Amino acid sequence: MKKYIYAVTLLVLSACDARLDQMKPHNMSDADTYLKKFENIVNATSGLYAQFYAQTGGFTYDYVYEAVYHVLGEFRGNNMIFAEAFEDKNLALGGPDAYFYLYSDQKAQSFAWPMWARTNQIILGASKNIQAIEKLESEDIMQVKPEKLQRLKGESYFIRGLFTFNSLNVFGRPYWDEPDKNPGIPLDTLGSGELLPRSSVKDCFNSIIRDFTRAASCLPDKPI
């Protein structure tokens, strides 16, 4: 009986594996393939904006980017103080971790993890967009008017610069404190998706300035 069950199990698993092999080309697309079309770059750019309000890592609503950065960027600053505890179940406002300035007693890293994960995800997506747009610009046959590609590139540069700046404010040392020596955040401007070492605070700020400068040169004065 055991041999029979074992044989049937192997048969089912092998059949499922074969079926999954057939489905692979249809249910997965890497960025280099997907971003070959202009309309897909438009969708990917819209997706970057959507990440502002998307949940991170399966967390609840309180861990969306805008709430997490508000806690890390404002509640921990030295220019404000809680007058009294919030009578609210909203974790971003009433959670105990919001009262700590630098350190957390939360074993799951509390607000730091979703901030780190979401920031790097958006920076990676923006870098992929920029690479894809530059590749389309270099092709002989343009799929769309150049000014539309320029605008999308400008948006991606701005988003990447903004999220690098916000993340550096949370995870890096201030610029006045030896910026060429102290670590900032990893800079994945090539969209490698690999585990990179943290660049210096100075290099991070130089990258932010470049991104904002390029964004200004790409974005139109009026909507198109």
C-alpha atoms as a PDB file:
ATOM      1  CA  MET A   1       0.000   0.000   0.000  1.00  0.00           C
ATOM      2  CA  LYS A   2       2.822   2.379   0.881  1.00  0.00           C
ATOM      3  CA  LYS A   3       4.541   1.632  -2.431  1.00  0.00           C
ATOM      4  CA  TYR A   4       1.289   2.379  -4.266  1.00  0.00           C
ATOM      5  CA  ILE A   5       0.820   5.720  -2.491  1.00  0.00           C
ATOM      6  CA  TYR A   6       4.444   6.623  -3.173  1.00  0.00           C
ATOM      7  CA  ALA A   7       4.098   5.836  -6.877  1.00  0.00           C
ATOM      8  CA  VAL A   8       0.878   7.860  -7.200  1.00  0.00           C
ATOM      9  CA  THR A   9       2.473  10.798  -5.389  1.00  0.00           C
ATOM     10  CA  LEU A  10       5.452  10.801  -7.751  1.00  0.00           C
ATOM     11  CA  LEU A  11       3.123  10.640 -10.743  1.00  0.00           C
ATOM     12  CA  VAL A  12       1.072  13.610  -9.532  1.00  0.00           C
ATOM     13  CA  LEU A  13       4.118  15.710  -8.697  1.00  0.00           C
ATOM     14  CA  SER A  14       5.767  15.016 -12.033  1.00  0.00           C
ATOM     15  CA  ALA A  15       2.569  15.955 -13.842  1.00  0.00           C
ATOM     16  CA  CYS A  16       2.299  19.208 -11.877  1.00  0.00           C
ATOM     17  CA  ASP A  17       5.936  20.024 -12.564  1.00  0.00           C
ATOM     18  CA  ALA A  18       5.428  19.534 -16.288  1.00  0.00           C
ATOM     19  CA  ARG A  19       2.364  21.748 -16.209  1.00  0.00           C
ATOM     20  CA  LEU A  20       4.252  24.492 -14.368  1.00  0.00           C
ATOM     21  CA  ASP A  21       7.034  24.321 -16.962  1.00  0.00           C
ATOM     22  CA  GLN A  22       4.440  24.971 -19.664  1.00  0.00           C
ATOM     23  CA  MET A  23       3.069  27.958 -17.767  1.00  0.00           C
ATOM     24  CA  LYS A  24       6.407  29.662 -17.061  1.00  0.00           C
ATOM     25  CA  PRO A  25       6.482  31.836 -20.189  1.00  0.00           C
ATOM     26  CA  HIS A  26       2.963  33.050 -19.452  1.00  0.00           C
ATOM     27  CA  ASN A  27       2.987  33.881 -15.760  1.00  0.00           C
ATOM     28  CA  MET A  28       6.324  35.621 -15.357  1.00  0.00           C
ATOM     29  CA  SER A  29       8.024  38.534 -17.087  1.00  0.00           C
ATOM     30  CA  ASP A  30      11.299  40.129 -16.088  1.00  0.00           C
ATOM     31  CA  ALA A  31      11.735  43.893 -16.135  1.00  0.00           C
ATOM     32  CA  ASP A  32      13.972  43.928 -19.210  1.00  0.00           C
ATOM     33  CA  THR A  33      11.311  42.129 -21.234  1.00  0.00           C
ATOM     34  CA  TYR A  34       8.270  43.926 -19.839  1.00  0.00           C
ATOM     35  CA  LEU A  35       9.698  47.430 -20.191  1.00  0.00           C
ATOM     36  CA  LYS A  36      10.415  47.146 -23.902  1.00  0.00           C
ATOM     37  CA  LYS A  37       7.053  48.782 -24.647  1.00  0.00           C
ATOM     38  CA  PHE A  38       6.147  52.387 -23.933  1.00  0.00           C
ATOM     39  CA  GLU A  39       2.734  51.552 -22.475  1.00  0.00           C
ATOM     40  CA  ASN A  40       4.355  49.150 -20.017  1.00  0.00           C
ATOM     41  CA  ILE A  41       6.728  51.870 -18.842  1.00  0.00           C
ATOM     42  CA  VAL A  42       3.673  54.070 -18.258  1.00  0.00           C
ATOM     43  CA  ASN A  43       2.124  51.296 -16.161  1.00  0.00           C
ATOM     44  CA  ALA A  44       5.356  50.758 -14.241  1.00  0.00           C
ATOM     45  CA  THR A  45       5.595  54.483 -13.470  1.00  0.00           C
ATOM     46  CA  SER A  46       2.014  54.517 -12.212  1.00  0.00           C
ATOM     47  CA  GLY A  47       2.958  51.549 -10.056  1.00  0.00           C
ATOM     48  CA  LEU A  48       5.726  53.577  -8.401  1.00  0.00           C
ATOM     49  CA  TYR A  49       3.181  56.183  -7.304  1.00  0.00           C
ATOM     50  CA  ALA A  50       0.866  53.429  -6.082  1.00  0.00           C
ATOM     51  CA  GLN A  51       3.612  52.170  -3.772  1.00  0.00           C
ATOM     52  CA  PHE A  52       3.153  55.288  -1.635  1.00  0.00           C
ATOM     53  CA  TYR A  53      -0.044  53.730  -0.286  1.00  0.00           C
ATOM     54  CA  ALA A  54       0.652  50.031  -0.742  1.00  0.00           C
ATOM     55  CA  GLN A  55       1.150  47.765   2.241  1.00  0.00           C
ATOM     56  CA  THR A  56       4.680  46.578   2.855  1.00  0.00           C
ATOM     57  CA  GLY A  57       5.546  42.968   3.522  1.00  0.00           C
ATOM     58  CA  GLY A  58       2.023  41.939   4.450  1.00  0.00           C
ATOM     59  CA  PHE A  59       1.731  44.523   7.215  1.00  0.00           C
ATOM     60  CA  THR A  60      -1.477  46.387   8.004  1.00  0.00           C
ATOM     61  CA  TYR A  61      -2.541  49.791   6.704  1.00  0.00           C
ATOM     62  CA  ASP A  62      -0.447  51.512   9.353  1.00  0.00           C
ATOM     63  CA  TYR A  63       2.699  50.352   7.585  1.00  0.00           C
ATOM     64  CA  VAL A  64       2.083  52.071   4.270  1.00  0.00           C
ATOM     65  CA  TYR A  65       4.906  54.405   3.271  1.00  0.00           C
ATOM     66  CA  GLU A  66       3.244  57.729   4.040  1.00  0.00           C
ATOM     67  CA  ALA A  67       2.384  56.698   7.613  1.00  0.00           C
ATOM     68  CA  VAL A  68       5.750  55.093   8.315  1.00  0.00           C
ATOM     69  CA  TYR A  69       7.783  58.026   7.037  1.00  0.00           C
ATOM     70  CA  HIS A  70       5.625  60.468   8.978  1.00  0.00           C
ATOM     71  CA  VAL A  71       6.458  58.597  12.173  1.00  0.00           C
ATOM     72  CA  LEU A  72      10.178  58.282  11.413  1.00  0.00           C
ATOM     73  CA  GLY A  73      10.590  61.714   9.882  1.00  0.00           C
ATOM     74  CA  GLU A  74       8.424  63.846  12.184  1.00  0.00           C
ATOM     75  CA  PHE A  75       7.606  62.124  15.467  1.00  0.00           C
ATOM     76  CA  ARG A  76      11.278  61.425  16.190  1.00  0.00           C
ATOM     77  CA  GLY A  77      12.481  64.929  15.400  1.00  0.00           C
ATOM     78  CA  ASN A  78      13.731  67.297  18.082  1.00  0.00           C
ATOM     79  CA  ASN A  79      11.294  70.037  17.102  1.00  0.00           C
ATOM     80  CA  MET A  80       8.161  68.407  18.491  1.00  0.00           C
ATOM     81  CA  ILE A  81       6.932  66.434  21.489  1.00  0.00           C
ATOM     82  CA  PHE A  82       3.792  64.496  22.338  1.00  0.00           C
ATOM     83  CA  ALA A  83       1.603  66.506  24.687  1.00  0.00           C
ATOM     84  CA  GLU A  84      -0.403  63.402  25.531  1.00  0.00           C
ATOM     85  CA  ALA A  85      -0.883  59.894  24.274  1.00  0.00           C
ATOM     86  CA  PHE A  86      -3.217  59.384  21.334  1.00  0.00           C
ATOM     87  CA  GLU A  87      -6.429  57.584  22.149  1.00  0.00           C
ATOM     88  CA  ASP A  88      -6.352  55.861  18.816  1.00  0.00           C
ATOM     89  CA  LYS A  89      -5.813  52.307  17.683  1.00  0.00           C
ATOM     90  CA  ASN A  90      -3.956  53.603  14.641  1.00  0.00           C
ATOM     91  CA  LEU A  91      -0.474  52.157  15.129  1.00  0.00           C
ATOM     92  CA  ALA A  92       1.308  55.052  13.454  1.00  0.00           C
ATOM     93  CA  LEU A  93      -0.135  57.507  15.993  1.00  0.00           C
ATOM     94  CA  GLY A  94      -0.820  55.462  19.089  1.00  0.00           C
ATOM     95  CA  GLY A  95       1.784  52.727  18.966  1.00  0.00           C
ATOM     96  CA  PRO A  96       4.457  52.710  21.682  1.00  0.00           C
ATOM     97  CA  ASP A  97       7.284  52.693  19.151  1.00  0.00           C
ATOM     98  CA  ALA A  98       6.272  56.175  17.974  1.00  0.00           C
ATOM     99  CA  TYR A  99       7.557  57.620  21.238  1.00  0.00           C
ATOM    100  CA  PHE A 100      11.151  56.446  20.811  1.00  0.00           C
ATOM    101  CA  TYR A 101      13.624  58.725  19.075  1.00  0.00           C
ATOM    102  CA  LEU A 102      16.293  56.378  17.732  1.00  0.00           C
ATOM    103  CA  TYR A 103      15.889  52.918  19.191  1.00  0.00           C
ATOM    104  CA  SER A 104      13.035  50.463  19.097  1.00  0.00           C
ATOM    105  CA  ASP A 105      12.006  47.724  21.490  1.00  0.00           C
ATOM    106  CA  GLN A 106      10.139  45.976  18.695  1.00  0.00           C
ATOM    107  CA  LYS A 107      11.843  42.717  17.682  1.00  0.00           C
ATOM    108  CA  ALA A 108      10.354  42.947  14.197  1.00  0.00           C
ATOM    109  CA  GLN A 109      12.132  46.326  13.699  1.00  0.00           C
ATOM    110  CA  SER A 110       8.776  48.060  13.721  1.00  0.00           C
ATOM    111  CA  PHE A 111       8.616  51.021  11.348  1.00  0.00           C
ATOM    112  CA  ALA A 112      12.218  50.685  10.154  1.00  0.00           C
ATOM    113  CA  TRP A 113      11.668  47.522   8.130  1.00  0.00           C
ATOM    114  CA  PRO A 114       8.713  48.669   5.969  1.00  0.00           C
ATOM    115  CA  MET A 115      10.457  52.011   5.381  1.00  0.00           C
ATOM    116  CA  TRP A 116      13.632  50.256   4.218  1.00  0.00           C
ATOM    117  CA  ALA A 117      11.824  47.673   2.101  1.00  0.00           C
ATOM    118  CA  ARG A 118       9.441  50.091   0.392  1.00  0.00           C
ATOM    119  CA  THR A 119      12.143  52.685  -0.291  1.00  0.00           C
ATOM    120  CA  ASN A 120      14.468  50.206  -1.953  1.00  0.00           C
ATOM    121  CA  GLN A 121      11.638  48.706  -3.972  1.00  0.00           C
ATOM    122  CA  ILE A 122      10.667  52.106  -5.405  1.00  0.00           C
ATOM    123  CA  ILE A 123      14.278  53.148  -6.064  1.00  0.00           C
ATOM    124  CA  LEU A 124      14.860  49.881  -7.905  1.00  0.00           C
ATOM    125  CA  GLY A 125      11.718  50.372  -9.993  1.00  0.00           C
ATOM    126  CA  ALA A 126      12.677  53.938 -10.899  1.00  0.00           C
ATOM    127  CA  SER A 127      16.168  52.812 -11.953  1.00  0.00           C
ATOM    128  CA  LYS A 128      14.664  50.084 -14.140  1.00  0.00           C
ATOM    129  CA  ASN A 129      12.379  52.652 -15.760  1.00  0.00           C
ATOM    130  CA  ILE A 130      15.258  54.999 -16.526  1.00  0.00           C
ATOM    131  CA  GLN A 131      17.290  52.234 -18.127  1.00  0.00           C
ATOM    132  CA  ALA A 132      14.348  51.083 -20.235  1.00  0.00           C
ATOM    133  CA  ILE A 133      13.579  54.624 -21.420  1.00  0.00           C
ATOM    134  CA  GLU A 134      17.188  55.275 -22.382  1.00  0.00           C
ATOM    135  CA  LYS A 135      17.167  52.049 -24.384  1.00  0.00           C
ATOM    136  CA  LEU A 136      14.021  53.108 -26.237  1.00  0.00           C
ATOM    137  CA  GLU A 137      15.532  56.524 -26.918  1.00  0.00           C
ATOM    138  CA  SER A 138      18.548  54.887 -28.555  1.00  0.00           C
ATOM    139  CA  GLU A 139      16.471  52.795 -30.942  1.00  0.00           C
ATOM    140  CA  ASP A 140      16.162  53.881 -34.570  1.00  0.00           C
ATOM    141  CA  ILE A 141      12.392  53.462 -34.638  1.00  0.00           C
ATOM    142  CA  MET A 142      10.687  55.398 -31.863  1.00  0.00           C
ATOM    143  CA  GLN A 143       7.498  53.951 -30.436  1.00  0.00           C
ATOM    144  CA  VAL A 144       6.273  57.305 -29.168  1.00  0.00           C
ATOM    145  CA  LYS A 145       7.057  61.021 -29.243  1.00  0.00           C
ATOM    146  CA  PRO A 146      10.392  61.818 -27.544  1.00  0.00           C
ATOM    147  CA  GLU A 147       8.824  64.388 -25.202  1.00  0.00           C
ATOM    148  CA  LYS A 148       6.592  61.720 -23.647  1.00  0.00           C
ATOM    149  CA  LEU A 149       9.583  59.519 -22.922  1.00  0.00           C
ATOM    150  CA  GLN A 150      11.413  62.503 -21.487  1.00  0.00           C
ATOM    151  CA  ARG A 151       8.578  63.196 -19.100  1.00  0.00           C
ATOM    152  CA  LEU A 152       8.504  59.611 -17.853  1.00  0.00           C
ATOM    153  CA  LYS A 153      12.263  59.701 -17.385  1.00  0.00           C
ATOM    154  CA  GLY A 154      11.972  62.953 -15.453  1.00  0.00           C
ATOM    155  CA  GLU A 155       9.312  61.467 -13.174  1.00  0.00           C
ATOM    156  CA  SER A 156      11.491  58.425 -12.484  1.00  0.00           C
ATOM    157  CA  TYR A 157      14.523  60.593 -11.724  1.00  0.00           C
ATOM    158  CA  PHE A 158      12.460  62.728  -9.345  1.00  0.00           C
ATOM    159  CA  ILE A 159      10.944  59.718  -7.552  1.00  0.00           C
ATOM    160  CA  ARG A 160      14.353  58.086  -7.152  1.00  0.00           C
ATOM    161  CA  GLY A 161      15.913  61.280  -5.853  1.00  0.00           C
ATOM    162  CA  LEU A 162      13.042  61.897  -3.426  1.00  0.00           C
ATOM    163  CA  PHE A 163      13.070  58.407  -1.941  1.00  0.00           C
ATOM    164  CA  THR A 164      16.855  58.367  -1.701  1.00  0.00           C
ATOM    165  CA  PHE A 165      16.683  61.680   0.163  1.00  0.00           C
ATOM    166  CA  ASN A 166      13.973  60.498   2.565  1.00  0.00           C
ATOM    167  CA  SER A 167      15.708  57.203   3.247  1.00  0.00           C
ATOM    168  CA  LEU A 168      19.036  58.928   3.825  1.00  0.00           C
ATOM    169  CA  ASN A 169      17.409  61.210   6.392  1.00  0.00           C
ATOM    170  CA  VAL A 170      16.193  58.174   8.317  1.00  0.00           C
ATOM    171  CA  PHE A 171      19.068  55.706   7.975  1.00  0.00           C
ATOM    172  CA  GLY A 172      22.128  57.877   7.312  1.00  0.00           C
ATOM    173  CA  ARG A 173      24.205  60.278   9.369  1.00  0.00           C
ATOM    174  CA  PRO A 174      23.688  64.037   8.925  1.00  0.00           C
ATOM    175  CA  TYR A 175      25.792  65.695   6.234  1.00  0.00           C
ATOM    176  CA  TRP A 176      27.765  67.860   8.658  1.00  0.00           C
ATOM    177  CA  ASP A 177      29.219  64.776  10.385  1.00  0.00           C
ATOM    178  CA  GLU A 178      32.056  63.577   8.100  1.00  0.00           C
ATOM    179  CA  PRO A 179      29.853  62.867   5.054  1.00  0.00           C
ATOM    180  CA  ASP A 180      32.703  61.291   3.082  1.00  0.00           C
ATOM    181  CA  LYS A 181      33.277  58.681   5.809  1.00  0.00           C
ATOM    182  CA  ASN A 182      29.915  57.897   7.416  1.00  0.00           C
ATOM    183  CA  PRO A 183      27.608  55.387   5.688  1.00  0.00           C
ATOM    184  CA  GLY A 184      24.415  56.469   3.993  1.00  0.00           C
ATOM    185  CA  ILE A 185      22.310  53.934   2.107  1.00  0.00           C
ATOM    186  CA  PRO A 186      23.047  51.526  -0.791  1.00  0.00           C
ATOM    187  CA  LEU A 187      22.815  53.263  -4.199  1.00  0.00           C
ATOM    188  CA  ASP A 188      21.393  50.946  -6.835  1.00  0.00           C
ATOM    189  CA  THR A 189      21.225  53.437  -9.705  1.00  0.00           C
ATOM    190  CA  LEU A 190      21.788  50.655 -12.247  1.00  0.00           C
ATOM    191  CA  GLY A 191      18.792  48.644 -11.050  1.00  0.00           C
ATOM    192  CA  SER A 192      20.844  45.530 -10.326  1.00  0.00           C
ATOM    193  CA  GLY A 193      18.625  44.390  -7.447  1.00  0.00           C
ATOM    194  CA  GLU A 194      21.721  43.009  -5.727  1.00  0.00           C
ATOM    195  CA  LEU A 195      22.808  43.372  -2.115  1.00  0.00           C
ATOM    196  CA  LEU A 196      25.098  46.397  -2.272  1.00  0.00           C
ATOM    197  CA  PRO A 197      27.235  48.032   0.420  1.00  0.00           C
ATOM    198  CA  ARG A 198      26.121  51.357   1.849  1.00  0.00           C
ATOM    199  CA  SER A 199      27.539  54.337  -0.006  1.00  0.00           C
ATOM    200  CA  SER A 200      28.871  57.317   1.920  1.00  0.00           C
ATOM    201  CA  VAL A 201      26.531  60.131   2.912  1.00  0.00           C
ATOM    202  CA  LYS A 202      28.369  62.432   0.501  1.00  0.00           C
ATOM    203  CA  ASP A 203      27.956  60.045  -2.434  1.00  0.00           C
ATOM    204  CA  CYS A 204      24.260  59.687  -1.602  1.00  0.00           C
ATOM    205  CA  PHE A 205      23.723  63.449  -1.618  1.00  0.00           C
ATOM    206  CA  ASN A 206      25.624  63.776  -4.896  1.00  0.00           C
ATOM    207  CA  SER A 207      23.343  61.117  -6.387  1.00  0.00           C
ATOM    208  CA  ILE A 208      20.257  62.941  -5.116  1.00  0.00           C
ATOM    209  CA  ILE A 209      21.419  66.226  -6.652  1.00  0.00           C
ATOM    210  CA  ARG A 210      22.099  64.523  -9.986  1.00  0.00           C
ATOM    211  CA  ASP A 211      18.664  62.911 -10.002  1.00  0.00           C
ATOM    212  CA  PHE A 212      16.849  66.166  -9.203  1.00  0.00           C
ATOM    213  CA  THR A 213      18.906  68.068 -11.787  1.00  0.00           C
ATOM    214  CA  ARG A 214      18.113  65.506 -14.467  1.00  0.00           C
ATOM    215  CA  ALA A 215      14.465  65.490 -13.459  1.00  0.00           C
ATOM    216  CA  ALA A 216      14.285  69.267 -13.871  1.00  0.00           C
ATOM    217  CA  SER A 217      15.831  69.030 -17.336  1.00  0.00           C
ATOM    218  CA  CYS A 218      13.364  66.319 -18.434  1.00  0.00           C
ATOM    219  CA  LEU A 219      10.080  67.493 -16.963  1.00  0.00           C
ATOM    220  CA  PRO A 220       8.054  70.023 -18.993  1.00  0.00           C
ATOM    221  CA  ASP A 221       7.004  73.397 -17.649  1.00  0.00           C
ATOM    222  CA  LYS A 222       3.391  72.513 -18.462  1.00  0.00           C
ATOM    223  CA  PRO A 223       1.581  69.138 -18.494  1.00  0.00           C
ATOM    224  CA  ILE A 224       1.610  67.316 -21.841  1.00  0.00           C
END
